[in-house]
Amino acid sequence: MEENEVDWIAAKAWEFLGDKVKDAPLTKKEVEMAFDVFARPRVLRLGLSEFERRQVEDRIMAKLEERAKQMNLEYWKKEGL
């Protein structure tokens, strides 16, 4: 699986987080919701083995958490989730 596919999937979830951060600081709950709604279905359609799927999901979740922390810092001057 190419890294740009993982980035594209993560970017779709970032769009959701970008809207949510305007209302309040992001929490782990919003990150998980973005993952479940936007990333997980796309990853499942890739037809990966269980091992590959878990690796990709872990990479996407890490990207989402990092981006959410950055958004919180930019919008709310709050570190972390």
PDB file of N, CA and C in Angstrom:
ATOM      1  N   MET A   1       0.845  -1.175   0.000  1.00  0.00           N
ATOM      2  CA  MET A   1       0.000   0.000   0.000  1.00  0.00           C
ATOM      3  C   MET A   1       0.887   1.233   0.000  1.00  0.00           C
ATOM      4  N   GLU A   2       0.558   2.179  -0.825  1.00  0.00           N
ATOM      5  CA  GLU A   2       1.357   3.385  -0.940  1.00  0.00           C
ATOM      6  C   GLU A   2       0.989   4.391   0.136  1.00  0.00           C
ATOM      7  N   GLU A   3       1.993   5.134   0.558  1.00  0.00           N
ATOM      8  CA  GLU A   3       1.790   6.131   1.608  1.00  0.00           C
ATOM      9  C   GLU A   3       0.800   7.214   1.181  1.00  0.00           C
ATOM     10  N   ASN A   4       0.776   7.559  -0.105  1.00  0.00           N
ATOM     11  CA  ASN A   4      -0.145   8.612  -0.535  1.00  0.00           C
ATOM     12  C   ASN A   4      -1.606   8.181  -0.389  1.00  0.00           C
ATOM     13  N   GLU A   5      -1.896   6.883  -0.477  1.00  0.00           N
ATOM     14  CA  GLU A   5      -3.255   6.403  -0.227  1.00  0.00           C
ATOM     15  C   GLU A   5      -3.631   6.604   1.243  1.00  0.00           C
ATOM     16  N   VAL A   6      -2.702   6.308   2.119  1.00  0.00           N
ATOM     17  CA  VAL A   6      -2.925   6.501   3.559  1.00  0.00           C
ATOM     18  C   VAL A   6      -3.130   7.985   3.850  1.00  0.00           C
ATOM     19  N   ASP A   7      -2.313   8.835   3.245  1.00  0.00           N
ATOM     20  CA  ASP A   7      -2.453  10.277   3.439  1.00  0.00           C
ATOM     21  C   ASP A   7      -3.809  10.770   2.947  1.00  0.00           C
ATOM     22  N   TRP A   8      -4.261  10.261   1.800  1.00  0.00           N
ATOM     23  CA  TRP A   8      -5.546  10.679   1.247  1.00  0.00           C
ATOM     24  C   TRP A   8      -6.683  10.299   2.186  1.00  0.00           C
ATOM     25  N   ILE A   9      -6.643   9.082   2.701  1.00  0.00           N
ATOM     26  CA  ILE A   9      -7.683   8.630   3.629  1.00  0.00           C
ATOM     27  C   ILE A   9      -7.665   9.503   4.887  1.00  0.00           C
ATOM     28  N   ALA A  10      -6.491   9.780   5.422  1.00  0.00           N
ATOM     29  CA  ALA A  10      -6.386  10.629   6.611  1.00  0.00           C
ATOM     30  C   ALA A  10      -6.907  12.036   6.317  1.00  0.00           C
ATOM     31  N   ALA A  11      -6.628  12.548   5.132  1.00  0.00           N
ATOM     32  CA  ALA A  11      -7.066  13.896   4.767  1.00  0.00           C
ATOM     33  C   ALA A  11      -8.585  14.020   4.778  1.00  0.00           C
ATOM     34  N   LYS A  12      -9.286  12.970   4.373  1.00  0.00           N
ATOM     35  CA  LYS A  12     -10.750  12.995   4.410  1.00  0.00           C
ATOM     36  C   LYS A  12     -11.257  13.142   5.847  1.00  0.00           C
ATOM     37  N   ALA A  13     -10.612  12.481   6.769  1.00  0.00           N
ATOM     38  CA  ALA A  13     -10.998  12.591   8.175  1.00  0.00           C
ATOM     39  C   ALA A  13     -10.591  13.946   8.746  1.00  0.00           C
ATOM     40  N   TRP A  14      -9.469  14.507   8.264  1.00  0.00           N
ATOM     41  CA  TRP A  14      -9.038  15.842   8.722  1.00  0.00           C
ATOM     42  C   TRP A  14     -10.084  16.896   8.412  1.00  0.00           C
ATOM     43  N   GLU A  15     -10.762  16.746   7.279  1.00  0.00           N
ATOM     44  CA  GLU A  15     -11.794  17.720   6.902  1.00  0.00           C
ATOM     45  C   GLU A  15     -12.868  17.798   7.985  1.00  0.00           C
ATOM     46  N   PHE A  16     -13.277  16.651   8.483  1.00  0.00           N
ATOM     47  CA  PHE A  16     -14.260  16.610   9.565  1.00  0.00           C
ATOM     48  C   PHE A  16     -13.709  17.295  10.811  1.00  0.00           C
ATOM     49  N   LEU A  17     -12.477  16.962  11.171  1.00  0.00           N
ATOM     50  CA  LEU A  17     -11.872  17.564  12.364  1.00  0.00           C
ATOM     51  C   LEU A  17     -11.719  19.067  12.202  1.00  0.00           C
ATOM     52  N   GLY A  18     -11.421  19.522  11.000  1.00  0.00           N
ATOM     53  CA  GLY A  18     -11.283  20.948  10.741  1.00  0.00           C
ATOM     54  C   GLY A  18     -12.568  21.713  11.014  1.00  0.00           C
ATOM     55  N   ASP A  19     -13.701  21.085  10.744  1.00  0.00           N
ATOM     56  CA  ASP A  19     -14.990  21.712  11.049  1.00  0.00           C
ATOM     57  C   ASP A  19     -15.281  21.677  12.545  1.00  0.00           C
ATOM     58  N   LYS A  20     -14.984  20.552  13.185  1.00  0.00           N
ATOM     59  CA  LYS A  20     -15.283  20.388  14.615  1.00  0.00           C
ATOM     60  C   LYS A  20     -14.442  21.290  15.512  1.00  0.00           C
ATOM     61  N   VAL A  21     -13.186  21.537  15.134  1.00  0.00           N
ATOM     62  CA  VAL A  21     -12.295  22.316  15.997  1.00  0.00           C
ATOM     63  C   VAL A  21     -12.753  23.768  16.121  1.00  0.00           C
ATOM     64  N   LYS A  22     -13.551  24.233  15.200  1.00  0.00           N
ATOM     65  CA  LYS A  22     -14.053  25.605  15.259  1.00  0.00           C
ATOM     66  C   LYS A  22     -15.055  25.790  16.399  1.00  0.00           C
ATOM     67  N   ASP A  23     -15.707  24.690  16.798  1.00  0.00           N
ATOM     68  CA  ASP A  23     -16.717  24.752  17.862  1.00  0.00           C
ATOM     69  C   ASP A  23     -16.116  24.612  19.251  1.00  0.00           C
ATOM     70  N   ALA A  24     -15.105  23.755  19.376  1.00  0.00           N
ATOM     71  CA  ALA A  24     -14.491  23.490  20.684  1.00  0.00           C
ATOM     72  C   ALA A  24     -13.202  22.695  20.444  1.00  0.00           C
ATOM     73  N   PRO A  25     -12.317  22.673  21.453  1.00  0.00           N
ATOM     74  CA  PRO A  25     -11.104  21.859  21.295  1.00  0.00           C
ATOM     75  C   PRO A  25     -11.454  20.401  21.014  1.00  0.00           C
ATOM     76  N   LEU A  26     -10.683  19.786  20.164  1.00  0.00           N
ATOM     77  CA  LEU A  26     -10.904  18.390  19.802  1.00  0.00           C
ATOM     78  C   LEU A  26     -10.515  17.467  20.951  1.00  0.00           C
ATOM     79  N   THR A  27     -11.247  16.393  21.063  1.00  0.00           N
ATOM     80  CA  THR A  27     -10.962  15.369  22.064  1.00  0.00           C
ATOM     81  C   THR A  27     -10.678  14.049  21.352  1.00  0.00           C
ATOM     82  N   LYS A  28     -10.254  13.083  22.110  1.00  0.00           N
ATOM     83  CA  LYS A  28     -10.022  11.743  21.578  1.00  0.00           C
ATOM     84  C   LYS A  28     -11.314  11.194  20.946  1.00  0.00           C
ATOM     85  N   LYS A  29     -12.447  11.561  21.525  1.00  0.00           N
ATOM     86  CA  LYS A  29     -13.737  11.091  21.018  1.00  0.00           C
ATOM     87  C   LYS A  29     -13.966  11.555  19.576  1.00  0.00           C
ATOM     88  N   GLU A  30     -13.682  12.822  19.277  1.00  0.00           N
ATOM     89  CA  GLU A  30     -13.854  13.323  17.910  1.00  0.00           C
ATOM     90  C   GLU A  30     -12.889  12.656  16.940  1.00  0.00           C
ATOM     91  N   VAL A  31     -11.664  12.415  17.400  1.00  0.00           N
ATOM     92  CA  VAL A  31     -10.680  11.739  16.552  1.00  0.00           C
ATOM     93  C   VAL A  31     -11.168  10.327  16.223  1.00  0.00           C
ATOM     94  N   GLU A  32     -11.660   9.613  17.220  1.00  0.00           N
ATOM     95  CA  GLU A  32     -12.168   8.263  17.001  1.00  0.00           C
ATOM     96  C   GLU A  32     -13.390   8.273  16.083  1.00  0.00           C
ATOM     97  N   MET A  33     -14.259   9.286  16.246  1.00  0.00           N
ATOM     98  CA  MET A  33     -15.433   9.398  15.397  1.00  0.00           C
ATOM     99  C   MET A  33     -15.014   9.654  13.939  1.00  0.00           C
ATOM    100  N   ALA A  34     -14.064  10.538  13.737  1.00  0.00           N
ATOM    101  CA  ALA A  34     -13.572  10.825  12.387  1.00  0.00           C
ATOM    102  C   ALA A  34     -12.977   9.569  11.767  1.00  0.00           C
ATOM    103  N   PHE A  35     -12.246   8.829  12.555  1.00  0.00           N
ATOM    104  CA  PHE A  35     -11.659   7.582  12.063  1.00  0.00           C
ATOM    105  C   PHE A  35     -12.746   6.586  11.677  1.00  0.00           C
ATOM    106  N   ASP A  36     -13.715   6.387  12.581  1.00  0.00           N
ATOM    107  CA  ASP A  36     -14.769   5.397  12.343  1.00  0.00           C
ATOM    108  C   ASP A  36     -15.634   5.744  11.133  1.00  0.00           C
ATOM    109  N   VAL A  37     -15.931   7.019  10.961  1.00  0.00           N
ATOM    110  CA  VAL A  37     -16.834   7.436   9.890  1.00  0.00           C
ATOM    111  C   VAL A  37     -16.118   7.577   8.551  1.00  0.00           C
ATOM    112  N   PHE A  38     -14.928   8.162   8.554  1.00  0.00           N
ATOM    113  CA  PHE A  38     -14.272   8.508   7.298  1.00  0.00           C
ATOM    114  C   PHE A  38     -13.134   7.579   6.897  1.00  0.00           C
ATOM    115  N   ALA A  39     -12.383   7.068   7.854  1.00  0.00           N
ATOM    116  CA  ALA A  39     -11.196   6.285   7.503  1.00  0.00           C
ATOM    117  C   ALA A  39     -11.473   4.781   7.445  1.00  0.00           C
ATOM    118  N   ARG A  40     -12.079   4.240   8.477  1.00  0.00           N
ATOM    119  CA  ARG A  40     -12.263   2.787   8.549  1.00  0.00           C
ATOM    120  C   ARG A  40     -12.974   2.217   7.315  1.00  0.00           C
ATOM    121  N   PRO A  41     -14.084   2.809   6.858  1.00  0.00           N
ATOM    122  CA  PRO A  41     -14.742   2.229   5.671  1.00  0.00           C
ATOM    123  C   PRO A  41     -13.841   2.226   4.432  1.00  0.00           C
ATOM    124  N   ARG A  42     -13.041   3.258   4.272  1.00  0.00           N
ATOM    125  CA  ARG A  42     -12.142   3.323   3.115  1.00  0.00           C
ATOM    126  C   ARG A  42     -11.028   2.276   3.218  1.00  0.00           C
ATOM    127  N   VAL A  43     -10.525   2.083   4.417  1.00  0.00           N
ATOM    128  CA  VAL A  43      -9.474   1.081   4.614  1.00  0.00           C
ATOM    129  C   VAL A  43     -10.029  -0.322   4.340  1.00  0.00           C
ATOM    130  N   LEU A  44     -11.236  -0.585   4.788  1.00  0.00           N
ATOM    131  CA  LEU A  44     -11.841  -1.902   4.572  1.00  0.00           C
ATOM    132  C   LEU A  44     -12.011  -2.204   3.086  1.00  0.00           C
ATOM    133  N   ARG A  45     -12.280  -1.181   2.291  1.00  0.00           N
ATOM    134  CA  ARG A  45     -12.461  -1.381   0.847  1.00  0.00           C
ATOM    135  C   ARG A  45     -11.159  -1.680   0.122  1.00  0.00           C
ATOM    136  N   LEU A  46     -10.037  -1.491   0.788  1.00  0.00           N
ATOM    137  CA  LEU A  46      -8.744  -1.738   0.148  1.00  0.00           C
ATOM    138  C   LEU A  46      -8.434  -3.221  -0.002  1.00  0.00           C
ATOM    139  N   GLY A  47      -9.141  -4.061   0.716  1.00  0.00           N
ATOM    140  CA  GLY A  47      -8.946  -5.500   0.588  1.00  0.00           C
ATOM    141  C   GLY A  47      -7.600  -5.986   1.109  1.00  0.00           C
ATOM    142  N   LEU A  48      -7.149  -5.416   2.201  1.00  0.00           N
ATOM    143  CA  LEU A  48      -5.864  -5.787   2.793  1.00  0.00           C
ATOM    144  C   LEU A  48      -6.012  -7.003   3.693  1.00  0.00           C
ATOM    145  N   SER A  49      -4.886  -7.651   3.957  1.00  0.00           N
ATOM    146  CA  SER A  49      -4.898  -8.714   4.954  1.00  0.00           C
ATOM    147  C   SER A  49      -5.151  -8.083   6.322  1.00  0.00           C
ATOM    148  N   GLU A  50      -5.521  -8.903   7.279  1.00  0.00           N
ATOM    149  CA  GLU A  50      -5.791  -8.405   8.639  1.00  0.00           C
ATOM    150  C   GLU A  50      -4.577  -7.652   9.192  1.00  0.00           C
ATOM    151  N   PHE A  51      -3.401  -8.204   9.003  1.00  0.00           N
ATOM    152  CA  PHE A  51      -2.167  -7.583   9.493  1.00  0.00           C
ATOM    153  C   PHE A  51      -1.941  -6.227   8.819  1.00  0.00           C
ATOM    154  N   GLU A  52      -2.063  -6.187   7.500  1.00  0.00           N
ATOM    155  CA  GLU A  52      -1.862  -4.927   6.767  1.00  0.00           C
ATOM    156  C   GLU A  52      -2.912  -3.892   7.160  1.00  0.00           C
ATOM    157  N   ARG A  53      -4.153  -4.331   7.298  1.00  0.00           N
ATOM    158  CA  ARG A  53      -5.223  -3.417   7.668  1.00  0.00           C
ATOM    159  C   ARG A  53      -4.949  -2.765   9.020  1.00  0.00           C
ATOM    160  N   ARG A  54      -4.525  -3.566   9.977  1.00  0.00           N
ATOM    161  CA  ARG A  54      -4.226  -3.020  11.306  1.00  0.00           C
ATOM    162  C   ARG A  54      -3.072  -2.022  11.254  1.00  0.00           C
ATOM    163  N   GLN A  55      -2.061  -2.328  10.459  1.00  0.00           N
ATOM    164  CA  GLN A  55      -0.934  -1.400  10.319  1.00  0.00           C
ATOM    165  C   GLN A  55      -1.399  -0.070   9.726  1.00  0.00           C
ATOM    166  N   VAL A  56      -2.199  -0.154   8.682  1.00  0.00           N
ATOM    167  CA  VAL A  56      -2.699   1.063   8.026  1.00  0.00           C
ATOM    168  C   VAL A  56      -3.594   1.840   8.981  1.00  0.00           C
ATOM    169  N   GLU A  57      -4.479   1.155   9.679  1.00  0.00           N
ATOM    170  CA  GLU A  57      -5.354   1.838  10.633  1.00  0.00           C
ATOM    171  C   GLU A  57      -4.548   2.525  11.729  1.00  0.00           C
ATOM    172  N   ASP A  58      -3.516   1.877  12.222  1.00  0.00           N
ATOM    173  CA  ASP A  58      -2.663   2.482  13.254  1.00  0.00           C
ATOM    174  C   ASP A  58      -1.966   3.735  12.728  1.00  0.00           C
ATOM    175  N   ARG A  59      -1.477   3.680  11.492  1.00  0.00           N
ATOM    176  CA  ARG A  59      -0.804   4.847  10.900  1.00  0.00           C
ATOM    177  C   ARG A  59      -1.781   6.006  10.713  1.00  0.00           C
ATOM    178  N   ILE A  60      -2.979   5.694  10.249  1.00  0.00           N
ATOM    179  CA  ILE A  60      -3.975   6.743  10.051  1.00  0.00           C
ATOM    180  C   ILE A  60      -4.385   7.348  11.385  1.00  0.00           C
ATOM    181  N   MET A  61      -4.614   6.525  12.391  1.00  0.00           N
ATOM    182  CA  MET A  61      -5.002   7.038  13.708  1.00  0.00           C
ATOM    183  C   MET A  61      -3.903   7.937  14.279  1.00  0.00           C
ATOM    184  N   ALA A  62      -2.657   7.540  14.122  1.00  0.00           N
ATOM    185  CA  ALA A  62      -1.550   8.367  14.602  1.00  0.00           C
ATOM    186  C   ALA A  62      -1.531   9.712  13.876  1.00  0.00           C
ATOM    187  N   LYS A  63      -1.772   9.698  12.574  1.00  0.00           N
ATOM    188  CA  LYS A  63      -1.818  10.940  11.800  1.00  0.00           C
ATOM    189  C   LYS A  63      -2.974  11.825  12.270  1.00  0.00           C
ATOM    190  N   LEU A  64      -4.125  11.221  12.521  1.00  0.00           N
ATOM    191  CA  LEU A  64      -5.284  11.984  12.979  1.00  0.00           C
ATOM    192  C   LEU A  64      -5.043  12.601  14.357  1.00  0.00           C
ATOM    193  N   GLU A  65      -4.466  11.837  15.249  1.00  0.00           N
ATOM    194  CA  GLU A  65      -4.189  12.366  16.588  1.00  0.00           C
ATOM    195  C   GLU A  65      -3.196  13.520  16.526  1.00  0.00           C
ATOM    196  N   GLU A  66      -2.164  13.376  15.720  1.00  0.00           N
ATOM    197  CA  GLU A  66      -1.165  14.444  15.595  1.00  0.00           C
ATOM    198  C   GLU A  66      -1.794  15.696  14.997  1.00  0.00           C
ATOM    199  N   ARG A  67      -2.596  15.529  13.962  1.00  0.00           N
ATOM    200  CA  ARG A  67      -3.244  16.677  13.324  1.00  0.00           C
ATOM    201  C   ARG A  67      -4.231  17.340  14.277  1.00  0.00           C
ATOM    202  N   ALA A  68      -4.969  16.555  15.053  1.00  0.00           N
ATOM    203  CA  ALA A  68      -5.915  17.118  16.023  1.00  0.00           C
ATOM    204  C   ALA A  68      -5.181  17.940  17.077  1.00  0.00           C
ATOM    205  N   LYS A  69      -4.043  17.458  17.523  1.00  0.00           N
ATOM    206  CA  LYS A  69      -3.249  18.222  18.495  1.00  0.00           C
ATOM    207  C   LYS A  69      -2.793  19.546  17.893  1.00  0.00           C
ATOM    208  N   GLN A  70      -2.365  19.513  16.631  1.00  0.00           N
ATOM    209  CA  GLN A  70      -1.939  20.739  15.947  1.00  0.00           C
ATOM    210  C   GLN A  70      -3.109  21.715  15.824  1.00  0.00           C
ATOM    211  N   MET A  71      -4.278  21.214  15.457  1.00  0.00           N
ATOM    212  CA  MET A  71      -5.456  22.065  15.320  1.00  0.00           C
ATOM    213  C   MET A  71      -5.837  22.694  16.654  1.00  0.00           C
ATOM    214  N   ASN A  72      -5.802  21.911  17.729  1.00  0.00           N
ATOM    215  CA  ASN A  72      -6.120  22.452  19.051  1.00  0.00           C
ATOM    216  C   ASN A  72      -5.160  23.568  19.421  1.00  0.00           C
ATOM    217  N   LEU A  73      -3.903  23.385  19.116  1.00  0.00           N
ATOM    218  CA  LEU A  73      -2.902  24.401  19.428  1.00  0.00           C
ATOM    219  C   LEU A  73      -3.143  25.655  18.597  1.00  0.00           C
ATOM    220  N   GLU A  74      -3.434  25.492  17.314  1.00  0.00           N
ATOM    221  CA  GLU A  74      -3.665  26.639  16.437  1.00  0.00           C
ATOM    222  C   GLU A  74      -4.928  27.412  16.805  1.00  0.00           C
ATOM    223  N   TYR A  75      -6.030  26.711  17.039  1.00  0.00           N
ATOM    224  CA  TYR A  75      -7.319  27.375  17.273  1.00  0.00           C
ATOM    225  C   TYR A  75      -7.549  27.772  18.724  1.00  0.00           C
ATOM    226  N   TRP A  76      -7.078  26.958  19.633  1.00  0.00           N
ATOM    227  CA  TRP A  76      -7.428  27.145  21.035  1.00  0.00           C
ATOM    228  C   TRP A  76      -6.232  27.358  21.957  1.00  0.00           C
ATOM    229  N   LYS A  77      -5.025  27.329  21.410  1.00  0.00           N
ATOM    230  CA  LYS A  77      -3.797  27.459  22.214  1.00  0.00           C
ATOM    231  C   LYS A  77      -3.774  26.410  23.317  1.00  0.00           C
ATOM    232  N   LYS A  78      -4.319  25.219  22.977  1.00  0.00           N
ATOM    233  CA  LYS A  78      -4.397  24.107  23.923  1.00  0.00           C
ATOM    234  C   LYS A  78      -3.577  22.955  23.366  1.00  0.00           C
ATOM    235  N   GLU A  79      -2.700  22.423  24.185  1.00  0.00           N
ATOM    236  CA  GLU A  79      -1.894  21.279  23.758  1.00  0.00           C
ATOM    237  C   GLU A  79      -2.633  19.990  24.082  1.00  0.00           C
ATOM    238  N   GLY A  80      -2.420  19.002  23.240  1.00  0.00           N
ATOM    239  CA  GLY A  80      -2.971  17.667  23.493  1.00  0.00           C
ATOM    240  C   GLY A  80      -4.416  17.533  23.086  1.00  0.00           C
ATOM    241  N   LEU A  81      -4.968  16.385  23.451  1.00  0.00           N
ATOM    242  CA  LEU A  81      -6.384  16.089  23.166  1.00  0.00           C
ATOM    243  C   LEU A  81      -7.167  16.040  24.441  1.00  0.00           C
TER     244      LEU A  81
END
